Amino acid sequence: MSLAVARIKLGLERELRLGNLEARRDWGFAGDYVRAMHLMLTQDEPRGLRGGHRRHPASVEELVELAFSLADLDWQEHVVCDHRVSSGRPT
């Protein structure tokens, strides 16, 4: 998504086609979670630590809004909802 937003900002693309904007995902990077788990398990003393994840997965629309706002763009002018586009995963 960030590449598409950058290409739109540079005028190389006009639109981003996405499927279900209501789909919710955990957008975290698995490597970060593994590192956090390792750090928690290797502490000398148990502590109340928590990984840096959200309690509720974010929707595709929330991520789109954030990405376009960081580029000073109105996502609604560039995102085309095409329900034929799918990740193949259930929402």
PDB file of N, CA and C in Angstrom:
ATOM      1  N   MET A   1       0.820  -1.181   0.000  1.00  0.00           N
ATOM      2  CA  MET A   1       0.000   0.000   0.000  1.00  0.00           C
ATOM      3  C   MET A   1       0.867   1.249   0.000  1.00  0.00           C
ATOM      4  N   SER A   2       1.940   1.243   0.761  1.00  0.00           N
ATOM      5  CA  SER A   2       2.784   2.440   0.810  1.00  0.00           C
ATOM      6  C   SER A   2       3.384   2.750  -0.556  1.00  0.00           C
ATOM      7  N   LEU A   3       3.741   1.721  -1.303  1.00  0.00           N
ATOM      8  CA  LEU A   3       4.275   1.941  -2.653  1.00  0.00           C
ATOM      9  C   LEU A   3       3.213   2.567  -3.556  1.00  0.00           C
ATOM     10  N   ALA A   4       1.986   2.075  -3.469  1.00  0.00           N
ATOM     11  CA  ALA A   4       0.902   2.630  -4.283  1.00  0.00           C
ATOM     12  C   ALA A   4       0.638   4.089  -3.924  1.00  0.00           C
ATOM     13  N   VAL A   5       0.627   4.397  -2.629  1.00  0.00           N
ATOM     14  CA  VAL A   5       0.412   5.784  -2.194  1.00  0.00           C
ATOM     15  C   VAL A   5       1.535   6.679  -2.710  1.00  0.00           C
ATOM     16  N   ALA A   6       2.766   6.197  -2.615  1.00  0.00           N
ATOM     17  CA  ALA A   6       3.904   6.988  -3.102  1.00  0.00           C
ATOM     18  C   ALA A   6       3.792   7.224  -4.611  1.00  0.00           C
ATOM     19  N   ARG A   7       3.410   6.202  -5.360  1.00  0.00           N
ATOM     20  CA  ARG A   7       3.275   6.348  -6.816  1.00  0.00           C
ATOM     21  C   ARG A   7       2.157   7.338  -7.168  1.00  0.00           C
ATOM     22  N   ILE A   8       1.076   7.316  -6.389  1.00  0.00           N
ATOM     23  CA  ILE A   8      -0.014   8.271  -6.607  1.00  0.00           C
ATOM     24  C   ILE A   8       0.469   9.679  -6.278  1.00  0.00           C
ATOM     25  N   LYS A   9       1.184   9.832  -5.178  1.00  0.00           N
ATOM     26  CA  LYS A   9       1.703  11.150  -4.775  1.00  0.00           C
ATOM     27  C   LYS A   9       2.628  11.723  -5.847  1.00  0.00           C
ATOM     28  N   LEU A  10       3.424  10.849  -6.483  1.00  0.00           N
ATOM     29  CA  LEU A  10       4.356  11.294  -7.525  1.00  0.00           C
ATOM     30  C   LEU A  10       3.702  11.460  -8.897  1.00  0.00           C
ATOM     31  N   GLY A  11       2.412  11.141  -8.985  1.00  0.00           N
ATOM     32  CA  GLY A  11       1.704  11.270 -10.257  1.00  0.00           C
ATOM     33  C   GLY A  11       1.944  10.114 -11.212  1.00  0.00           C
ATOM     34  N   LEU A  12       2.525   9.023 -10.729  1.00  0.00           N
ATOM     35  CA  LEU A  12       2.796   7.865 -11.580  1.00  0.00           C
ATOM     36  C   LEU A  12       1.592   6.937 -11.694  1.00  0.00           C
ATOM     37  N   GLU A  13       0.701   7.031 -10.739  1.00  0.00           N
ATOM     38  CA  GLU A  13      -0.547   6.257 -10.730  1.00  0.00           C
ATOM     39  C   GLU A  13      -1.673   7.200 -10.334  1.00  0.00           C
ATOM     40  N   ARG A  14      -2.906   6.803 -10.664  1.00  0.00           N
ATOM     41  CA  ARG A  14      -4.051   7.628 -10.284  1.00  0.00           C
ATOM     42  C   ARG A  14      -4.927   6.978  -9.222  1.00  0.00           C
ATOM     43  N   GLU A  15      -4.899   5.628  -9.178  1.00  0.00           N
ATOM     44  CA  GLU A  15      -5.817   4.960  -8.265  1.00  0.00           C
ATOM     45  C   GLU A  15      -5.203   3.705  -7.662  1.00  0.00           C
ATOM     46  N   LEU A  16      -5.808   3.285  -6.566  1.00  0.00           N
ATOM     47  CA  LEU A  16      -5.458   2.043  -5.896  1.00  0.00           C
ATOM     48  C   LEU A  16      -6.731   1.226  -5.804  1.00  0.00           C
ATOM     49  N   ARG A  17      -6.722   0.034  -6.375  1.00  0.00           N
ATOM     50  CA  ARG A  17      -7.897  -0.838  -6.346  1.00  0.00           C
ATOM     51  C   ARG A  17      -7.775  -1.788  -5.164  1.00  0.00           C
ATOM     52  N   LEU A  18      -8.808  -1.759  -4.324  1.00  0.00           N
ATOM     53  CA  LEU A  18      -8.847  -2.621  -3.155  1.00  0.00           C
ATOM     54  C   LEU A  18     -10.191  -3.320  -3.061  1.00  0.00           C
ATOM     55  N   GLY A  19     -10.208  -4.414  -2.333  1.00  0.00           N
ATOM     56  CA  GLY A  19     -11.444  -5.168  -2.121  1.00  0.00           C
ATOM     57  C   GLY A  19     -12.206  -4.635  -0.916  1.00  0.00           C
ATOM     58  N   ASN A  20     -12.464  -5.501   0.019  1.00  0.00           N
ATOM     59  CA  ASN A  20     -13.279  -5.198   1.189  1.00  0.00           C
ATOM     60  C   ASN A  20     -12.528  -4.288   2.157  1.00  0.00           C
ATOM     61  N   LEU A  21     -12.950  -3.042   2.242  1.00  0.00           N
ATOM     62  CA  LEU A  21     -12.301  -2.085   3.136  1.00  0.00           C
ATOM     63  C   LEU A  21     -12.653  -2.328   4.601  1.00  0.00           C
ATOM     64  N   GLU A  22     -13.673  -3.141   4.838  1.00  0.00           N
ATOM     65  CA  GLU A  22     -14.075  -3.439   6.217  1.00  0.00           C
ATOM     66  C   GLU A  22     -13.303  -4.618   6.799  1.00  0.00           C
ATOM     67  N   ALA A  23     -12.548  -5.326   5.968  1.00  0.00           N
ATOM     68  CA  ALA A  23     -11.781  -6.471   6.454  1.00  0.00           C
ATOM     69  C   ALA A  23     -10.812  -6.007   7.530  1.00  0.00           C
ATOM     70  N   ARG A  24     -10.639  -6.814   8.549  1.00  0.00           N
ATOM     71  CA  ARG A  24      -9.750  -6.471   9.658  1.00  0.00           C
ATOM     72  C   ARG A  24      -8.572  -7.424   9.673  1.00  0.00           C
ATOM     73  N   ARG A  25      -7.405  -6.863   9.896  1.00  0.00           N
ATOM     74  CA  ARG A  25      -6.170  -7.638   9.914  1.00  0.00           C
ATOM     75  C   ARG A  25      -5.282  -7.148  11.040  1.00  0.00           C
ATOM     76  N   ASP A  26      -4.392  -8.028  11.469  1.00  0.00           N
ATOM     77  CA  ASP A  26      -3.317  -7.632  12.363  1.00  0.00           C
ATOM     78  C   ASP A  26      -2.172  -7.267  11.436  1.00  0.00           C
ATOM     79  N   TRP A  27      -1.831  -5.997  11.358  1.00  0.00           N
ATOM     80  CA  TRP A  27      -0.843  -5.517  10.395  1.00  0.00           C
ATOM     81  C   TRP A  27       0.580  -5.580  10.944  1.00  0.00           C
ATOM     82  N   GLY A  28       0.742  -6.179  12.092  1.00  0.00           N
ATOM     83  CA  GLY A  28       2.066  -6.257  12.699  1.00  0.00           C
ATOM     84  C   GLY A  28       3.009  -7.167  11.921  1.00  0.00           C
ATOM     85  N   PHE A  29       4.301  -6.960  12.135  1.00  0.00           N
ATOM     86  CA  PHE A  29       5.356  -7.755  11.502  1.00  0.00           C
ATOM     87  C   PHE A  29       5.702  -8.912  12.427  1.00  0.00           C
ATOM     88  N   ALA A  30       5.601 -10.135  11.942  1.00  0.00           N
ATOM     89  CA  ALA A  30       5.809 -11.322  12.773  1.00  0.00           C
ATOM     90  C   ALA A  30       7.180 -11.306  13.455  1.00  0.00           C
ATOM     91  N   GLY A  31       8.205 -10.841  12.761  1.00  0.00           N
ATOM     92  CA  GLY A  31       9.536 -10.785  13.346  1.00  0.00           C
ATOM     93  C   GLY A  31       9.592  -9.929  14.602  1.00  0.00           C
ATOM     94  N   ASP A  32       8.807  -8.851  14.634  1.00  0.00           N
ATOM     95  CA  ASP A  32       8.761  -7.999  15.826  1.00  0.00           C
ATOM     96  C   ASP A  32       8.127  -8.742  17.001  1.00  0.00           C
ATOM     97  N   TYR A  33       7.076  -9.516  16.716  1.00  0.00           N
ATOM     98  CA  TYR A  33       6.417 -10.279  17.778  1.00  0.00           C
ATOM     99  C   TYR A  33       7.353 -11.347  18.335  1.00  0.00           C
ATOM    100  N   VAL A  34       8.075 -12.021  17.451  1.00  0.00           N
ATOM    101  CA  VAL A  34       9.016 -13.055  17.892  1.00  0.00           C
ATOM    102  C   VAL A  34      10.103 -12.442  18.766  1.00  0.00           C
ATOM    103  N   ARG A  35      10.629 -11.305  18.346  1.00  0.00           N
ATOM    104  CA  ARG A  35      11.664 -10.631  19.143  1.00  0.00           C
ATOM    105  C   ARG A  35      11.114 -10.239  20.513  1.00  0.00           C
ATOM    106  N   ALA A  36       9.892  -9.713  20.545  1.00  0.00           N
ATOM    107  CA  ALA A  36       9.282  -9.323  21.820  1.00  0.00           C
ATOM    108  C   ALA A  36       9.097 -10.536  22.724  1.00  0.00           C
ATOM    109  N   MET A  37       8.658 -11.657  22.156  1.00  0.00           N
ATOM    110  CA  MET A  37       8.488 -12.866  22.965  1.00  0.00           C
ATOM    111  C   MET A  37       9.827 -13.333  23.521  1.00  0.00           C
ATOM    112  N   HIS A  38      10.854 -13.297  22.693  1.00  0.00           N
ATOM    113  CA  HIS A  38      12.179 -13.712  23.142  1.00  0.00           C
ATOM    114  C   HIS A  38      12.661 -12.824  24.281  1.00  0.00           C
ATOM    115  N   LEU A  39      12.488 -11.518  24.141  1.00  0.00           N
ATOM    116  CA  LEU A  39      12.908 -10.599  25.202  1.00  0.00           C
ATOM    117  C   LEU A  39      12.141 -10.851  26.499  1.00  0.00           C
ATOM    118  N   MET A  40      10.850 -11.156  26.382  1.00  0.00           N
ATOM    119  CA  MET A  40      10.059 -11.434  27.579  1.00  0.00           C
ATOM    120  C   MET A  40      10.539 -12.710  28.267  1.00  0.00           C
ATOM    121  N   LEU A  41      10.845 -13.710  27.479  1.00  0.00           N
ATOM    122  CA  LEU A  41      11.241 -15.004  28.045  1.00  0.00           C
ATOM    123  C   LEU A  41      12.650 -15.009  28.616  1.00  0.00           C
ATOM    124  N   THR A  42      13.462 -14.054  28.235  1.00  0.00           N
ATOM    125  CA  THR A  42      14.849 -14.056  28.703  1.00  0.00           C
ATOM    126  C   THR A  42      15.098 -13.047  29.826  1.00  0.00           C
ATOM    127  N   GLN A  43      14.046 -12.493  30.392  1.00  0.00           N
ATOM    128  CA  GLN A  43      14.190 -11.579  31.526  1.00  0.00           C
ATOM    129  C   GLN A  43      14.570 -12.372  32.778  1.00  0.00           C
ATOM    130  N   ASP A  44      15.410 -11.801  33.615  1.00  0.00           N
ATOM    131  CA  ASP A  44      15.808 -12.457  34.870  1.00  0.00           C
ATOM    132  C   ASP A  44      14.639 -12.569  35.847  1.00  0.00           C
ATOM    133  N   GLU A  45      13.821 -11.540  35.889  1.00  0.00           N
ATOM    134  CA  GLU A  45      12.682 -11.503  36.805  1.00  0.00           C
ATOM    135  C   GLU A  45      11.400 -11.348  35.996  1.00  0.00           C
ATOM    136  N   PRO A  46      10.329 -12.057  36.370  1.00  0.00           N
ATOM    137  CA  PRO A  46       9.061 -11.871  35.654  1.00  0.00           C
ATOM    138  C   PRO A  46       8.528 -10.449  35.858  1.00  0.00           C
ATOM    139  N   ARG A  47       8.041  -9.869  34.789  1.00  0.00           N
ATOM    140  CA  ARG A  47       7.450  -8.527  34.850  1.00  0.00           C
ATOM    141  C   ARG A  47       6.198  -8.512  33.999  1.00  0.00           C
ATOM    142  N   GLY A  48       5.376  -7.538  34.215  1.00  0.00           N
ATOM    143  CA  GLY A  48       4.160  -7.386  33.426  1.00  0.00           C
ATOM    144  C   GLY A  48       4.466  -6.702  32.103  1.00  0.00           C
ATOM    145  N   LEU A  49       4.993  -7.457  31.154  1.00  0.00           N
ATOM    146  CA  LEU A  49       5.335  -6.888  29.843  1.00  0.00           C
ATOM    147  C   LEU A  49       4.228  -7.184  28.848  1.00  0.00           C
ATOM    148  N   ARG A  50       4.162  -6.351  27.859  1.00  0.00           N
ATOM    149  CA  ARG A  50       3.142  -6.513  26.832  1.00  0.00           C
ATOM    150  C   ARG A  50       3.754  -6.191  25.487  1.00  0.00           C
ATOM    151  N   GLY A  51       3.399  -6.964  24.482  1.00  0.00           N
ATOM    152  CA  GLY A  51       3.867  -6.678  23.125  1.00  0.00           C
ATOM    153  C   GLY A  51       3.188  -5.440  22.580  1.00  0.00           C
ATOM    154  N   GLY A  52       3.758  -4.842  21.561  1.00  0.00           N
ATOM    155  CA  GLY A  52       3.226  -3.598  21.004  1.00  0.00           C
ATOM    156  C   GLY A  52       2.172  -3.821  19.948  1.00  0.00           C
ATOM    157  N   HIS A  53       1.181  -4.605  20.228  1.00  0.00           N
ATOM    158  CA  HIS A  53       0.125  -4.836  19.248  1.00  0.00           C
ATOM    159  C   HIS A  53      -1.166  -4.185  19.704  1.00  0.00           C
ATOM    160  N   ARG A  54      -2.051  -4.029  18.754  1.00  0.00           N
ATOM    161  CA  ARG A  54      -3.358  -3.457  19.072  1.00  0.00           C
ATOM    162  C   ARG A  54      -4.236  -4.540  19.681  1.00  0.00           C
ATOM    163  N   ARG A  55      -5.162  -4.138  20.500  1.00  0.00           N
ATOM    164  CA  ARG A  55      -6.097  -5.121  21.056  1.00  0.00           C
ATOM    165  C   ARG A  55      -7.056  -5.622  19.983  1.00  0.00           C
ATOM    166  N   HIS A  56      -7.379  -4.769  19.031  1.00  0.00           N
ATOM    167  CA  HIS A  56      -8.309  -5.142  17.971  1.00  0.00           C
ATOM    168  C   HIS A  56      -7.627  -4.890  16.631  1.00  0.00           C
ATOM    169  N   PRO A  57      -7.717  -5.839  15.726  1.00  0.00           N
ATOM    170  CA  PRO A  57      -7.103  -5.615  14.410  1.00  0.00           C
ATOM    171  C   PRO A  57      -7.704  -4.387  13.719  1.00  0.00           C
ATOM    172  N   ALA A  58      -6.899  -3.722  12.935  1.00  0.00           N
ATOM    173  CA  ALA A  58      -7.346  -2.524  12.213  1.00  0.00           C
ATOM    174  C   ALA A  58      -7.981  -2.928  10.891  1.00  0.00           C
ATOM    175  N   SER A  59      -8.926  -2.136  10.431  1.00  0.00           N
ATOM    176  CA  SER A  59      -9.554  -2.407   9.141  1.00  0.00           C
ATOM    177  C   SER A  59      -8.643  -1.918   8.016  1.00  0.00           C
ATOM    178  N   VAL A  60      -8.901  -2.439   6.834  1.00  0.00           N
ATOM    179  CA  VAL A  60      -8.171  -1.982   5.657  1.00  0.00           C
ATOM    180  C   VAL A  60      -8.414  -0.482   5.482  1.00  0.00           C
ATOM    181  N   GLU A  61      -9.640  -0.042   5.707  1.00  0.00           N
ATOM    182  CA  GLU A  61      -9.964   1.381   5.563  1.00  0.00           C
ATOM    183  C   GLU A  61      -9.140   2.245   6.516  1.00  0.00           C
ATOM    184  N   GLU A  62      -8.955   1.792   7.752  1.00  0.00           N
ATOM    185  CA  GLU A  62      -8.146   2.565   8.708  1.00  0.00           C
ATOM    186  C   GLU A  62      -6.711   2.695   8.221  1.00  0.00           C
ATOM    187  N   LEU A  63      -6.165   1.617   7.682  1.00  0.00           N
ATOM    188  CA  LEU A  63      -4.803   1.660   7.166  1.00  0.00           C
ATOM    189  C   LEU A  63      -4.719   2.580   5.944  1.00  0.00           C
ATOM    190  N   VAL A  64      -5.721   2.507   5.074  1.00  0.00           N
ATOM    191  CA  VAL A  64      -5.771   3.361   3.883  1.00  0.00           C
ATOM    192  C   VAL A  64      -5.820   4.832   4.289  1.00  0.00           C
ATOM    193  N   GLU A  65      -6.701   5.156   5.240  1.00  0.00           N
ATOM    194  CA  GLU A  65      -6.815   6.538   5.704  1.00  0.00           C
ATOM    195  C   GLU A  65      -5.476   7.046   6.227  1.00  0.00           C
ATOM    196  N   LEU A  66      -4.814   6.230   7.021  1.00  0.00           N
ATOM    197  CA  LEU A  66      -3.529   6.630   7.592  1.00  0.00           C
ATOM    198  C   LEU A  66      -2.476   6.824   6.502  1.00  0.00           C
ATOM    199  N   ALA A  67      -2.349   5.869   5.612  1.00  0.00           N
ATOM    200  CA  ALA A  67      -1.324   5.936   4.564  1.00  0.00           C
ATOM    201  C   ALA A  67      -1.507   7.168   3.680  1.00  0.00           C
ATOM    202  N   PHE A  68      -2.726   7.426   3.252  1.00  0.00           N
ATOM    203  CA  PHE A  68      -2.969   8.569   2.379  1.00  0.00           C
ATOM    204  C   PHE A  68      -2.819   9.893   3.132  1.00  0.00           C
ATOM    205  N   SER A  69      -3.225   9.920   4.415  1.00  0.00           N
ATOM    206  CA  SER A  69      -3.096  11.172   5.166  1.00  0.00           C
ATOM    207  C   SER A  69      -1.629  11.537   5.370  1.00  0.00           C
ATOM    208  N   LEU A  70      -0.776  10.541   5.550  1.00  0.00           N
ATOM    209  CA  LEU A  70       0.655  10.817   5.720  1.00  0.00           C
ATOM    210  C   LEU A  70       1.268  11.399   4.450  1.00  0.00           C
ATOM    211  N   ALA A  71       0.641  11.137   3.303  1.00  0.00           N
ATOM    212  CA  ALA A  71       1.112  11.690   2.028  1.00  0.00           C
ATOM    213  C   ALA A  71       0.338  12.951   1.651  1.00  0.00           C
ATOM    214  N   ASP A  72      -0.491  13.454   2.574  1.00  0.00           N
ATOM    215  CA  ASP A  72      -1.315  14.641   2.310  1.00  0.00           C
ATOM    216  C   ASP A  72      -2.262  14.443   1.130  1.00  0.00           C
ATOM    217  N   LEU A  73      -2.857  13.268   1.054  1.00  0.00           N
ATOM    218  CA  LEU A  73      -3.798  12.946  -0.010  1.00  0.00           C
ATOM    219  C   LEU A  73      -5.123  12.513   0.586  1.00  0.00           C
ATOM    220  N   ASP A  74      -6.207  12.769  -0.148  1.00  0.00           N
ATOM    221  CA  ASP A  74      -7.539  12.307   0.247  1.00  0.00           C
ATOM    222  C   ASP A  74      -7.742  10.921  -0.352  1.00  0.00           C
ATOM    223  N   TRP A  75      -7.787   9.911   0.493  1.00  0.00           N
ATOM    224  CA  TRP A  75      -7.864   8.532  -0.001  1.00  0.00           C
ATOM    225  C   TRP A  75      -9.109   8.297  -0.844  1.00  0.00           C
ATOM    226  N   GLN A  76     -10.197   8.990  -0.541  1.00  0.00           N
ATOM    227  CA  GLN A  76     -11.444   8.779  -1.267  1.00  0.00           C
ATOM    228  C   GLN A  76     -11.368   9.238  -2.724  1.00  0.00           C
ATOM    229  N   GLU A  77     -10.381  10.069  -3.038  1.00  0.00           N
ATOM    230  CA  GLU A  77     -10.192  10.510  -4.425  1.00  0.00           C
ATOM    231  C   GLU A  77      -9.385   9.502  -5.238  1.00  0.00           C
ATOM    232  N   HIS A  78      -8.759   8.532  -4.570  1.00  0.00           N
ATOM    233  CA  HIS A  78      -7.838   7.633  -5.268  1.00  0.00           C
ATOM    234  C   HIS A  78      -8.131   6.147  -5.100  1.00  0.00           C
ATOM    235  N   VAL A  79      -8.903   5.775  -4.088  1.00  0.00           N
ATOM    236  CA  VAL A  79      -9.163   4.354  -3.836  1.00  0.00           C
ATOM    237  C   VAL A  79     -10.445   3.937  -4.534  1.00  0.00           C
ATOM    238  N   VAL A  80     -10.340   2.868  -5.297  1.00  0.00           N
ATOM    239  CA  VAL A  80     -11.485   2.293  -5.993  1.00  0.00           C
ATOM    240  C   VAL A  80     -11.796   0.963  -5.318  1.00  0.00           C
ATOM    241  N   CYS A  81     -13.021   0.833  -4.822  1.00  0.00           N
ATOM    242  CA  CYS A  81     -13.437  -0.424  -4.200  1.00  0.00           C
ATOM    243  C   CYS A  81     -13.883  -1.382  -5.291  1.00  0.00           C
ATOM    244  N   ASP A  82     -13.186  -2.485  -5.389  1.00  0.00           N
ATOM    245  CA  ASP A  82     -13.471  -3.503  -6.397  1.00  0.00           C
ATOM    246  C   ASP A  82     -13.568  -4.827  -5.660  1.00  0.00           C
ATOM    247  N   HIS A  83     -14.768  -5.303  -5.481  1.00  0.00           N
ATOM    248  CA  HIS A  83     -14.971  -6.509  -4.685  1.00  0.00           C
ATOM    249  C   HIS A  83     -14.461  -7.772  -5.371  1.00  0.00           C
ATOM    250  N   ARG A  84     -13.980  -7.636  -6.597  1.00  0.00           N
ATOM    251  CA  ARG A  84     -13.323  -8.777  -7.250  1.00  0.00           C
ATOM    252  C   ARG A  84     -11.909  -8.949  -6.716  1.00  0.00           C
ATOM    253  N   VAL A  85     -11.385  -7.895  -6.065  1.00  0.00           N
ATOM    254  CA  VAL A  85     -10.049  -7.961  -5.467  1.00  0.00           C
ATOM    255  C   VAL A  85     -10.199  -8.610  -4.099  1.00  0.00           C
ATOM    256  N   SER A  86      -9.447  -9.670  -3.868  1.00  0.00           N
ATOM    257  CA  SER A  86      -9.555 -10.375  -2.604  1.00  0.00           C
ATOM    258  C   SER A  86      -8.216 -10.990  -2.238  1.00  0.00           C
ATOM    259  N   SER A  87      -7.963 -11.052  -0.944  1.00  0.00           N
ATOM    260  CA  SER A  87      -6.734 -11.688  -0.475  1.00  0.00           C
ATOM    261  C   SER A  87      -6.896 -13.200  -0.480  1.00  0.00           C
ATOM    262  N   GLY A  88      -8.115 -13.685  -0.655  1.00  0.00           N
ATOM    263  CA  GLY A  88      -8.357 -15.109  -0.598  1.00  0.00           C
ATOM    264  C   GLY A  88      -8.514 -15.613   0.821  1.00  0.00           C
ATOM    265  N   ARG A  89      -8.408 -14.697   1.794  1.00  0.00           N
ATOM    266  CA  ARG A  89      -8.562 -15.072   3.201  1.00  0.00           C
ATOM    267  C   ARG A  89      -9.902 -14.565   3.702  1.00  0.00           C
ATOM    268  N   PRO A  90     -10.527 -15.310   4.586  1.00  0.00           N
ATOM    269  CA  PRO A  90     -11.788 -14.800   5.151  1.00  0.00           C
ATOM    270  C   PRO A  90     -11.543 -13.587   6.020  1.00  0.00           C
ATOM    271  N   THR A  91     -12.527 -12.716   6.111  1.00  0.00           N
ATOM    272  CA  THR A  91     -12.393 -11.511   6.925  1.00  0.00           C
ATOM    273  C   THR A  91     -12.815 -11.764   8.335  1.00  0.00           C
TER     274      THR A  91
END
